[in-house]
Amino acid sequence: MNQSLTFLGIESSCDDTAAAVVRWSDAGAEVLSSVVEGQAALHAPFGGVVPEIAARAHAERLDHAVEAALAQAGVPLAGLDGIAVTAGPGLIGGLLSGQMLARGLSAATGVPLISVNHLAGHALTPRLTDGIGFPYLMLLVSGGHCQFLAVEGPDQFRRLGSTIDDAPGEAFDKIAKLLALPQPGGPHVEREAALGDPKRFAFPRPLLDRPGCDLSFSGLKTAVLRARDEVIAQNGGLTVQDRRDLCAGFQAAVADVLAEKTRRALAAFPAPVLAVAGGVAANVVLRERLQVAAAQAGARFLAPPLRLCTDNGAMIAWAGIERHRAALPPEGGMAARSRWPLDESAAPLIGHGRRGAKA
């Protein structure tokens, strides 16, 4: 007997308003539709995401995104087996917007509601796109998160290491801002770095002198700022080549750190697959270094398509399907949480704040 599950996924944890419909059957998983409405233009004048603006945009756009996703998939609300929505971590205003819509849809239709962890969506995406089995090692590198996860089940995540301050994507954005490059900064820094000299500036490789898989990028960001200021003081300003060399040196430092920490993570958890997700995974130099690290450890390297690496509703729908299939608690009544670590047993990160660990 052929079994199938069709879930709607709603994602609104940061600045992407997203909805998608995903179907699982005995033949595999299929993304029937995926709608993502970015907010980059709204936040560009402020040099970063403004939580209040993001929340308002989600409230205005979410119902349209859901309507479009259902229409593209050709699935009515009554044809859904479940609704999955991001409950955290993220910006609380956006999370509440998604939760309220999802709860309303569930109450009106009787379709079961499952609240899921945004990070679980990223971590489980390789099973959606490539059907890989457990266990595997996941490196999540995005604008807000960076951590190594031993993924051993749909609700079993063991954190091997994480950034103790800035995530790589956040660091890329801040460097772009320091060098007067447009936002989001990652692609612009990468383009400049391709034309620069990565050896001109001797930037630090933070935490490589310490054991373990934890990362830090705040000090590297400060080193780039100081180098920029020294060049300006000596020459009266930055040339185009100065900027390119600063970007190249910064990117090389990030690549060295991530490659070495990946080798350590694979040594600690010799999984058959190294999977990478998050917007930073699109960086060609970083991806090449991670592929080498995986090959050296005898692991397969896997990166889902970029549209499913960045925030999207399909990964949330899939996380809901995973929970449903594993008969895990639906957590339908869970309130939105700005901070929600996947590995609740892991020690809190340095500087995690009074509200608890972010990830």
Protein backbone atom coordinates (compact mmCIF):
# COMPACT_ATOMS: atom_id res chain seq x y z
CA MET A 1 0.00 0.00 0.00
CA ASN A 2 1.43 3.34 -1.08
CA GLN A 3 1.61 5.86 1.74
CA SER A 4 1.99 9.60 1.39
CA LEU A 5 2.05 12.74 3.51
CA THR A 6 1.56 16.29 2.26
CA PHE A 7 2.65 19.15 4.52
CA LEU A 8 2.55 22.92 4.30
CA GLY A 9 5.64 24.62 5.74
CA ILE A 10 5.69 28.22 6.99
CA GLU A 11 8.97 30.03 7.72
CA SER A 12 9.29 33.57 9.12
CA SER A 13 12.22 33.50 11.55
CA CYS A 14 14.23 36.36 10.05
CA ASP A 15 13.83 38.37 6.84
CA ASP A 16 12.49 35.79 4.38
CA THR A 17 8.74 35.22 4.21
CA ALA A 18 8.39 31.65 2.97
CA ALA A 19 5.82 28.93 2.42
CA ALA A 20 6.06 25.59 0.65
CA VAL A 21 4.26 22.32 0.10
CA VAL A 22 6.22 19.07 0.37
CA ARG A 23 4.97 15.54 -0.27
CA TRP A 24 6.54 12.34 0.99
CA SER A 25 5.61 8.92 -0.34
CA ASP A 26 7.16 5.48 -0.58
CA ALA A 27 8.84 6.71 -3.77
CA GLY A 28 10.61 9.58 -1.99
CA ALA A 29 10.16 13.25 -1.21
CA GLU A 30 9.05 15.98 -3.60
CA VAL A 31 8.90 19.75 -3.20
CA LEU A 32 5.59 20.60 -4.87
CA SER A 33 6.03 24.35 -4.42
CA SER A 34 8.29 26.84 -2.67
CA VAL A 35 7.59 30.56 -2.35
CA VAL A 36 10.16 32.88 -0.78
CA GLU A 37 9.64 36.63 -0.56
CA GLY A 38 12.86 38.35 0.49
CA GLN A 39 13.01 41.62 2.37
CA ALA A 40 16.48 42.80 1.36
CA ALA A 41 15.18 46.01 -0.22
CA LEU A 42 13.28 46.93 2.95
CA HIS A 43 16.34 46.59 5.19
CA ALA A 44 19.05 47.86 2.81
CA PRO A 45 18.83 51.53 3.93
CA PHE A 46 19.60 50.45 7.51
CA GLY A 47 22.59 48.22 6.78
CA GLY A 48 21.00 45.17 8.41
CA VAL A 49 17.74 43.50 9.39
CA VAL A 50 15.41 45.69 11.46
CA PRO A 51 13.20 43.34 13.56
CA GLU A 52 10.14 45.62 13.58
CA ILE A 53 10.21 46.07 9.82
CA ALA A 54 10.70 42.33 9.31
CA ALA A 55 7.75 41.46 11.56
CA ARG A 56 5.45 43.91 9.79
CA ALA A 57 6.47 42.56 6.37
CA HIS A 58 5.81 38.99 7.48
CA ALA A 59 2.36 39.93 8.77
CA GLU A 60 1.56 41.54 5.42
CA ARG A 61 2.97 38.82 3.17
CA LEU A 62 2.56 35.46 4.86
CA ASP A 63 -1.03 34.78 3.82
CA HIS A 64 -0.18 35.64 0.21
CA ALA A 65 2.87 33.35 0.30
CA VAL A 66 0.79 30.48 1.67
CA GLU A 67 -1.94 31.05 -0.91
CA ALA A 68 0.65 31.06 -3.71
CA ALA A 69 2.36 27.91 -2.42
CA LEU A 70 -0.91 25.99 -2.25
CA ALA A 71 -1.92 27.19 -5.70
CA GLN A 72 1.41 26.25 -7.27
CA ALA A 73 1.24 22.81 -5.66
CA GLY A 74 -2.36 22.30 -6.69
CA VAL A 75 -3.22 21.26 -3.14
CA PRO A 76 -6.18 22.69 -1.20
CA LEU A 77 -6.00 23.25 2.53
CA ALA A 78 -8.26 20.26 3.05
CA GLY A 79 -5.76 18.11 1.15
CA LEU A 80 -2.99 18.68 3.70
CA ASP A 81 -1.95 16.10 6.25
CA GLY A 82 -0.18 18.65 8.40
CA ILE A 83 1.00 22.23 8.80
CA ALA A 84 4.55 22.83 10.05
CA VAL A 85 5.67 26.24 11.27
CA THR A 86 8.92 27.62 12.62
CA ALA A 87 8.71 28.20 16.38
CA GLY A 88 12.31 29.39 16.82
CA PRO A 89 15.03 30.41 17.08
CA GLY A 90 14.69 33.78 15.41
CA LEU A 91 13.25 37.28 15.65
CA ILE A 92 10.26 37.02 17.93
CA GLY A 93 7.98 39.33 15.90
CA GLY A 94 8.43 37.29 12.75
CA LEU A 95 8.00 34.01 14.58
CA LEU A 96 4.74 35.20 16.10
CA SER A 97 3.45 36.23 12.67
CA GLY A 98 4.02 32.72 11.32
CA GLN A 99 2.66 31.02 14.43
CA MET A 100 -0.56 33.03 14.44
CA LEU A 101 -1.24 32.27 10.79
CA ALA A 102 -0.46 28.58 11.22
CA ARG A 103 -2.64 28.27 14.31
CA GLY A 104 -5.51 30.00 12.54
CA LEU A 105 -5.27 27.67 9.56
CA SER A 106 -5.11 24.62 11.81
CA ALA A 107 -8.07 25.74 13.91
CA ALA A 108 -10.17 26.50 10.83
CA THR A 109 -9.43 23.25 8.97
CA GLY A 110 -8.63 20.73 11.68
CA VAL A 111 -5.30 19.97 10.01
CA PRO A 112 -2.71 19.02 12.67
CA LEU A 113 -0.13 21.68 13.54
CA ILE A 114 3.53 20.90 14.23
CA SER A 115 5.94 23.54 15.52
CA VAL A 116 9.54 22.85 14.55
CA ASN A 117 12.99 24.21 15.21
CA HIS A 118 14.31 26.34 12.35
CA LEU A 119 17.75 24.74 12.73
CA ALA A 120 16.25 21.26 12.50
CA GLY A 121 14.84 22.30 9.15
CA HIS A 122 18.33 23.11 7.88
CA ALA A 123 19.85 20.03 9.48
CA LEU A 124 17.32 17.62 7.93
CA THR A 125 17.31 19.17 4.44
CA PRO A 126 19.85 16.66 3.01
CA ARG A 127 17.31 13.91 3.69
CA LEU A 128 14.73 15.86 1.71
CA THR A 129 17.00 16.54 -1.27
CA ASP A 130 19.16 13.41 -1.37
CA GLY A 131 17.41 10.84 0.80
CA ILE A 132 20.50 10.10 2.89
CA GLY A 133 20.21 8.00 6.02
CA PHE A 134 21.32 8.66 9.56
CA PRO A 135 23.88 9.42 10.86
CA TYR A 136 25.68 12.29 9.12
CA LEU A 137 27.63 15.39 10.05
CA MET A 138 25.97 18.73 9.35
CA LEU A 139 27.82 22.04 9.14
CA LEU A 140 25.29 24.83 9.32
CA VAL A 141 26.83 28.12 8.12
CA SER A 142 24.47 31.04 7.71
CA GLY A 143 23.98 34.67 8.61
CA GLY A 144 22.81 33.85 12.11
CA HIS A 145 24.17 30.41 12.95
CA CYS A 146 27.28 28.29 12.67
CA GLN A 147 27.60 24.87 14.26
CA PHE A 148 28.69 21.29 13.68
CA LEU A 149 25.88 18.82 14.38
CA ALA A 150 25.99 15.06 14.62
CA VAL A 151 22.57 14.24 13.13
CA GLU A 152 21.52 10.82 14.43
CA GLY A 153 17.74 10.99 14.07
CA PRO A 154 14.88 13.36 13.23
CA ASP A 155 15.02 14.69 16.78
CA GLN A 156 18.56 13.67 17.75
CA PHE A 157 21.14 16.40 17.26
CA ARG A 158 24.45 16.49 19.10
CA ARG A 159 26.41 19.73 18.92
CA LEU A 160 30.11 19.13 18.37
CA GLY A 161 31.04 22.79 18.11
CA SER A 162 29.60 26.22 17.44
CA THR A 163 30.57 29.83 17.06
CA ILE A 164 30.91 31.60 20.39
CA ASP A 165 30.18 34.99 18.83
CA ASP A 166 29.53 36.07 15.23
CA ALA A 167 28.33 33.55 12.66
CA PRO A 168 30.30 33.53 9.38
CA GLY A 169 27.47 35.15 7.40
CA GLU A 170 27.15 37.86 10.03
CA ALA A 171 30.91 38.45 9.83
CA PHE A 172 30.77 38.70 6.02
CA ASP A 173 27.98 41.27 6.29
CA LYS A 174 29.90 43.32 8.84
CA ILE A 175 33.07 43.29 6.74
CA ALA A 176 31.05 44.43 3.73
CA LYS A 177 29.70 47.30 5.80
CA LEU A 178 33.22 48.25 6.96
CA LEU A 179 34.33 48.39 3.33
CA ALA A 180 31.24 50.24 2.03
CA LEU A 181 29.97 47.25 0.04
CA PRO A 182 26.25 46.60 -0.50
CA GLN A 183 24.16 44.29 1.70
CA PRO A 184 23.75 41.37 1.98
CA GLY A 185 27.52 41.39 2.11
CA GLY A 186 28.57 37.79 1.46
CA PRO A 187 28.35 37.74 -2.36
CA HIS A 188 29.98 41.18 -2.64
CA VAL A 189 32.90 40.26 -0.39
CA GLU A 190 33.38 37.05 -2.38
CA ARG A 191 33.48 38.92 -5.69
CA GLU A 192 36.01 41.44 -4.35
CA ALA A 193 38.12 38.66 -2.81
CA ALA A 194 38.41 36.88 -6.16
CA LEU A 195 40.45 39.87 -7.43
CA GLY A 196 42.53 40.36 -4.29
CA ASP A 197 45.73 39.06 -2.69
CA PRO A 198 44.85 36.80 0.27
CA LYS A 199 48.43 36.96 1.62
CA ARG A 200 48.85 40.72 1.84
CA PHE A 201 47.32 41.02 5.32
CA ALA A 202 48.27 38.63 8.14
CA PHE A 203 44.87 38.08 9.70
CA PRO A 204 44.45 35.71 12.67
CA ARG A 205 42.88 32.26 12.52
CA PRO A 206 40.85 32.37 15.76
CA LEU A 207 40.71 29.34 18.09
CA LEU A 208 42.95 27.15 15.93
CA ASP A 209 45.40 27.11 18.84
CA ARG A 210 42.76 25.47 21.05
CA PRO A 211 41.34 21.94 20.85
CA GLY A 212 37.77 21.28 19.86
CA CYS A 213 35.37 22.43 17.17
CA ASP A 214 34.16 25.77 18.53
CA LEU A 215 34.66 28.82 16.30
CA SER A 216 35.03 32.57 16.70
CA PHE A 217 34.93 35.31 14.08
CA SER A 218 34.57 38.48 16.14
CA GLY A 219 38.33 38.94 16.59
CA LEU A 220 38.91 38.40 12.89
CA LYS A 221 36.38 41.11 12.12
CA THR A 222 38.23 43.48 14.47
CA ALA A 223 41.56 42.65 12.79
CA VAL A 224 40.11 43.62 9.40
CA LEU A 225 38.83 46.89 10.87
CA ARG A 226 42.27 47.73 12.24
CA ALA A 227 43.99 46.85 8.98
CA ARG A 228 41.55 49.04 7.09
CA ASP A 229 42.16 51.96 9.45
CA GLU A 230 45.95 51.55 9.16
CA VAL A 231 45.79 51.67 5.37
CA ILE A 232 43.57 54.76 5.49
CA ALA A 233 45.91 56.46 7.98
CA GLN A 234 48.99 55.73 5.87
CA ASN A 235 47.56 56.49 2.44
CA GLY A 236 44.69 58.86 3.09
CA GLY A 237 42.05 56.40 1.91
CA LEU A 238 41.35 52.96 0.45
CA THR A 239 42.04 52.07 -3.16
CA VAL A 240 39.97 49.49 -5.00
CA GLN A 241 42.88 47.04 -4.68
CA ASP A 242 43.16 47.68 -0.94
CA ARG A 243 39.53 46.69 -0.55
CA ARG A 244 39.97 43.59 -2.67
CA ASP A 245 43.01 42.49 -0.68
CA LEU A 246 41.20 43.02 2.63
CA CYS A 247 38.29 40.89 1.38
CA ALA A 248 40.64 38.19 0.10
CA GLY A 249 42.55 38.04 3.38
CA PHE A 250 39.36 37.86 5.41
CA GLN A 251 37.82 35.15 3.24
CA ALA A 252 41.03 33.09 3.35
CA ALA A 253 41.05 33.27 7.16
CA VAL A 254 37.42 32.12 7.39
CA ALA A 255 38.13 29.29 4.93
CA ASP A 256 41.17 28.12 6.90
CA VAL A 257 39.24 28.09 10.18
CA LEU A 258 36.19 26.28 8.79
CA ALA A 259 38.34 23.70 6.96
CA GLU A 260 40.40 22.85 10.04
CA LYS A 261 37.39 22.74 12.35
CA THR A 262 35.62 20.50 9.84
CA ARG A 263 38.55 18.08 9.89
CA ARG A 264 38.35 18.01 13.68
CA ALA A 265 34.59 17.43 13.63
CA LEU A 266 34.97 14.54 11.18
CA ALA A 267 37.67 13.03 13.38
CA ALA A 268 35.40 13.29 16.42
CA PHE A 269 32.38 11.98 14.52
CA PRO A 270 33.54 9.93 11.49
CA ALA A 271 30.23 10.05 9.62
CA PRO A 272 29.94 8.82 6.03
CA VAL A 273 28.51 12.16 4.86
CA LEU A 274 29.43 15.80 5.50
CA ALA A 275 26.42 17.95 4.65
CA VAL A 276 26.52 21.75 4.48
CA ALA A 277 23.59 24.17 4.60
CA GLY A 278 23.12 27.90 4.99
CA GLY A 279 23.74 30.84 2.68
CA VAL A 280 27.49 30.86 3.31
CA ALA A 281 27.66 27.40 1.73
CA ALA A 282 27.27 29.20 -1.61
CA ASN A 283 30.76 30.70 -1.28
CA VAL A 284 32.90 28.90 -3.87
CA VAL A 285 36.19 29.12 -1.95
CA LEU A 286 34.67 27.87 1.29
CA ARG A 287 32.85 25.05 -0.48
CA GLU A 288 36.05 23.89 -2.19
CA ARG A 289 37.94 23.81 1.12
CA LEU A 290 35.16 21.84 2.79
CA GLN A 291 35.07 19.36 -0.09
CA VAL A 292 38.80 18.74 0.38
CA ALA A 293 38.36 18.25 4.13
CA ALA A 294 35.56 15.74 3.52
CA ALA A 295 37.59 13.85 0.92
CA GLN A 296 40.57 13.63 3.27
CA ALA A 297 38.30 12.02 5.88
CA GLY A 298 36.76 9.64 3.36
CA ALA A 299 33.34 11.28 3.67
CA ARG A 300 30.91 12.21 0.93
CA PHE A 301 30.37 15.96 0.58
CA LEU A 302 26.79 17.08 0.12
CA ALA A 303 25.33 20.57 -0.26
CA PRO A 304 21.62 20.93 -1.11
CA PRO A 305 20.66 23.36 -3.89
CA LEU A 306 21.17 26.96 -2.80
CA ARG A 307 17.43 27.66 -2.84
CA LEU A 308 17.08 25.02 -0.14
CA CYS A 309 20.24 26.02 1.74
CA THR A 310 18.94 29.47 2.60
CA ASP A 311 15.74 30.00 4.62
CA ASN A 312 12.70 28.43 2.95
CA GLY A 313 9.38 26.80 3.77
CA ALA A 314 10.23 23.42 2.24
CA MET A 315 12.73 22.58 4.96
CA ILE A 316 10.12 23.40 7.61
CA ALA A 317 7.50 21.23 5.91
CA TRP A 318 10.02 18.40 5.71
CA ALA A 319 10.97 18.73 9.38
CA GLY A 320 7.27 18.42 10.17
CA ILE A 321 7.00 15.30 8.03
CA GLU A 322 10.04 13.81 9.77
CA ARG A 323 8.47 14.40 13.19
CA HIS A 324 5.16 12.96 12.05
CA ARG A 325 6.72 9.82 10.57
CA ALA A 326 8.78 9.27 13.72
CA ALA A 327 5.65 9.69 15.89
CA LEU A 328 7.34 12.51 17.81
CA PRO A 329 5.23 14.95 19.85
CA PRO A 330 3.64 17.51 17.50
CA GLU A 331 4.47 20.44 19.80
CA GLY A 332 1.52 22.26 18.24
CA GLY A 333 1.00 24.49 21.24
CA MET A 334 4.61 25.53 21.65
CA ALA A 335 5.06 29.28 21.92
CA ALA A 336 7.52 31.14 19.71
CA ARG A 337 11.05 31.09 21.11
CA SER A 338 13.74 33.58 20.11
CA ARG A 339 16.37 31.16 21.43
CA TRP A 340 16.12 27.40 21.05
CA PRO A 341 19.26 25.24 20.89
CA LEU A 342 18.92 21.98 18.99
CA ASP A 343 21.10 20.20 21.52
CA GLU A 344 19.50 21.12 24.83
CA SER A 345 22.10 19.07 26.74
CA ALA A 346 25.09 20.98 25.35
CA ALA A 347 26.83 23.51 27.55
CA PRO A 348 25.61 27.09 27.01
CA LEU A 349 27.81 29.10 24.67
CA ILE A 350 29.96 31.94 25.95
CA GLY A 351 28.01 35.19 25.97
CA HIS A 352 24.70 33.45 25.33
CA GLY A 353 22.82 35.97 27.48
CA ARG A 354 20.26 35.71 30.25
CA ARG A 355 17.57 34.31 27.97
CA GLY A 356 19.57 31.16 27.30
CA ALA A 357 21.59 29.76 24.43
CA LYS A 358 20.59 30.90 20.97
CA ALA A 359 21.57 27.72 19.19
